[in-house]
Amino acid sequence: MKKTTLSYKILSNKELDFLKDTYVQDKINGMSEKDLKNFVFDCINHQIKGTIGNEEETEAWKEIENFYEDRFEALVKEIQQKFQGFTNSREETLEDHEKRSKLLETNKIESEKEDMWED
């Protein structure tokens, strides 16, 4: 029997939202605790480490600060002490940040360029 190909376009927005909610709930219910932890780890890891530019970095910083609350300042100092022997770590971080920012700016400029052959 041939499988019928359906498209999301046959559903109204409310129906599509309900289908998405149903899928999310069923997906979560079907995952083991280990799978859930791995999934959440991947999501948070991507969200925090995937930041590019000052604005996103600031958002991630605030999220981390809010999570650790009163312990945040002590944690930052502890990390600084741990990496004190690595004198190049801050310079490398700044260089990496500058490279990512330049790449983001270059991509923005490239996407704004207009093709001379397009009408």
Protein backbone atom coordinates (compact mmCIF):
# COMPACT_ATOMS: atom_id res chain seq x y z
CA MET A 1 0.00 0.00 0.00
CA LYS A 2 1.37 3.38 -1.03
CA LYS A 3 1.77 5.94 1.75
CA THR A 4 -0.20 9.14 1.22
CA THR A 5 1.92 12.28 1.22
CA LEU A 6 0.44 14.95 3.44
CA SER A 7 1.43 18.57 3.74
CA TYR A 8 1.16 20.93 6.69
CA LYS A 9 -0.74 23.26 4.36
CA ILE A 10 -3.91 21.19 4.75
CA LEU A 11 -4.14 22.22 8.42
CA SER A 12 -5.27 25.49 9.91
CA ASN A 13 -2.85 27.33 12.19
CA LYS A 14 -4.69 26.04 15.28
CA GLU A 15 -4.65 22.49 13.96
CA LEU A 16 -0.95 22.73 13.13
CA ASP A 17 -0.16 24.11 16.59
CA PHE A 18 -2.14 21.27 18.17
CA LEU A 19 -0.26 18.71 16.05
CA LYS A 20 3.06 20.24 17.12
CA ASP A 21 2.03 20.22 20.80
CA THR A 22 0.93 16.58 20.48
CA TYR A 23 4.22 15.64 18.84
CA VAL A 24 6.30 17.38 21.52
CA GLN A 25 4.37 15.71 24.33
CA ASP A 26 4.51 12.25 22.71
CA LYS A 27 8.22 12.67 21.90
CA ILE A 28 9.02 13.62 25.50
CA ASN A 29 6.89 10.78 26.90
CA GLY A 30 8.72 8.31 24.66
CA MET A 31 12.20 9.36 25.80
CA SER A 32 14.09 7.71 28.64
CA GLU A 33 15.51 9.85 31.44
CA LYS A 34 18.99 9.42 29.93
CA ASP A 35 17.72 10.53 26.50
CA LEU A 36 16.02 13.56 28.07
CA LYS A 37 19.19 14.56 29.92
CA ASN A 38 21.29 14.21 26.76
CA PHE A 39 18.78 16.22 24.75
CA VAL A 40 18.63 19.01 27.32
CA PHE A 41 22.43 19.02 27.57
CA ASP A 42 22.73 19.40 23.79
CA CYS A 43 20.15 22.21 23.70
CA ILE A 44 21.70 24.20 26.54
CA ASN A 45 25.23 23.56 25.31
CA HIS A 46 24.34 24.83 21.82
CA GLN A 47 22.44 27.80 23.25
CA ILE A 48 25.30 28.95 25.49
CA LYS A 49 28.38 28.00 23.46
CA GLY A 50 26.87 28.98 20.12
CA THR A 51 26.77 32.68 20.96
CA ILE A 52 28.26 35.12 18.47
CA GLY A 53 28.62 38.82 19.05
CA ASN A 54 28.31 41.03 22.09
CA GLU A 55 24.52 40.92 22.34
CA GLU A 56 24.24 37.13 22.37
CA GLU A 57 27.26 36.79 24.65
CA THR A 58 25.66 39.26 27.08
CA GLU A 59 22.39 37.27 27.06
CA ALA A 60 24.26 34.04 27.81
CA TRP A 61 26.24 35.78 30.56
CA LYS A 62 23.03 37.04 32.20
CA GLU A 63 21.45 33.58 32.00
CA ILE A 64 24.49 32.01 33.68
CA GLU A 65 24.61 34.80 36.28
CA ASN A 66 20.92 34.34 37.11
CA PHE A 67 21.36 30.59 37.41
CA TYR A 68 24.24 30.79 39.91
CA GLU A 69 22.80 33.85 41.73
CA ASP A 70 24.88 34.68 44.83
CA ARG A 71 27.51 32.07 43.96
CA PHE A 72 28.28 33.58 40.56
CA GLU A 73 31.01 36.03 41.57
CA ALA A 74 32.86 33.39 43.59
CA LEU A 75 32.60 30.95 40.69
CA VAL A 76 34.06 33.50 38.24
CA LYS A 77 36.96 34.21 40.60
CA GLU A 78 37.54 30.47 41.06
CA ILE A 79 37.68 29.99 37.30
CA GLN A 80 40.07 32.92 36.89
CA GLN A 81 42.38 31.42 39.51
CA LYS A 82 42.20 28.02 37.84
CA PHE A 83 43.29 29.50 34.51
CA GLN A 84 45.75 32.00 35.93
CA GLY A 85 48.69 29.96 34.61
CA PHE A 86 47.32 30.18 31.10
CA THR A 87 48.32 33.73 30.20
CA ASN A 88 47.21 33.40 26.58
CA SER A 89 43.68 32.19 27.34
CA ARG A 90 42.13 35.68 27.48
CA GLU A 91 44.03 36.83 24.41
CA GLU A 92 42.96 33.74 22.47
CA THR A 93 39.36 34.29 23.59
CA LEU A 94 39.48 37.90 22.44
CA GLU A 95 41.00 36.87 19.11
CA ASP A 96 38.36 34.15 18.66
CA HIS A 97 35.61 36.61 19.55
CA GLU A 98 36.98 39.17 17.08
CA LYS A 99 37.18 36.53 14.33
CA ARG A 100 33.59 35.44 14.97
CA SER A 101 32.40 39.07 15.00
CA LYS A 102 34.20 39.81 11.72
CA LEU A 103 32.74 36.67 10.14
CA LEU A 104 29.26 37.70 11.28
CA GLU A 105 29.76 41.19 9.82
CA THR A 106 31.13 39.76 6.56
CA ASN A 107 28.15 37.41 6.26
CA LYS A 108 25.81 40.32 6.89
CA ILE A 109 27.47 42.41 4.18
CA GLU A 110 27.44 39.47 1.74
CA SER A 111 23.75 38.86 2.32
CA GLU A 112 22.98 42.54 1.74
CA LYS A 113 24.80 42.67 -1.60
CA GLU A 114 22.46 42.87 -4.53
CA ASP A 115 23.00 40.69 -7.55
CA MET A 116 23.39 42.94 -10.58
CA TRP A 117 21.55 40.39 -12.74
CA GLU A 118 18.44 40.30 -10.57
CA ASP A 119 15.56 42.59 -11.45
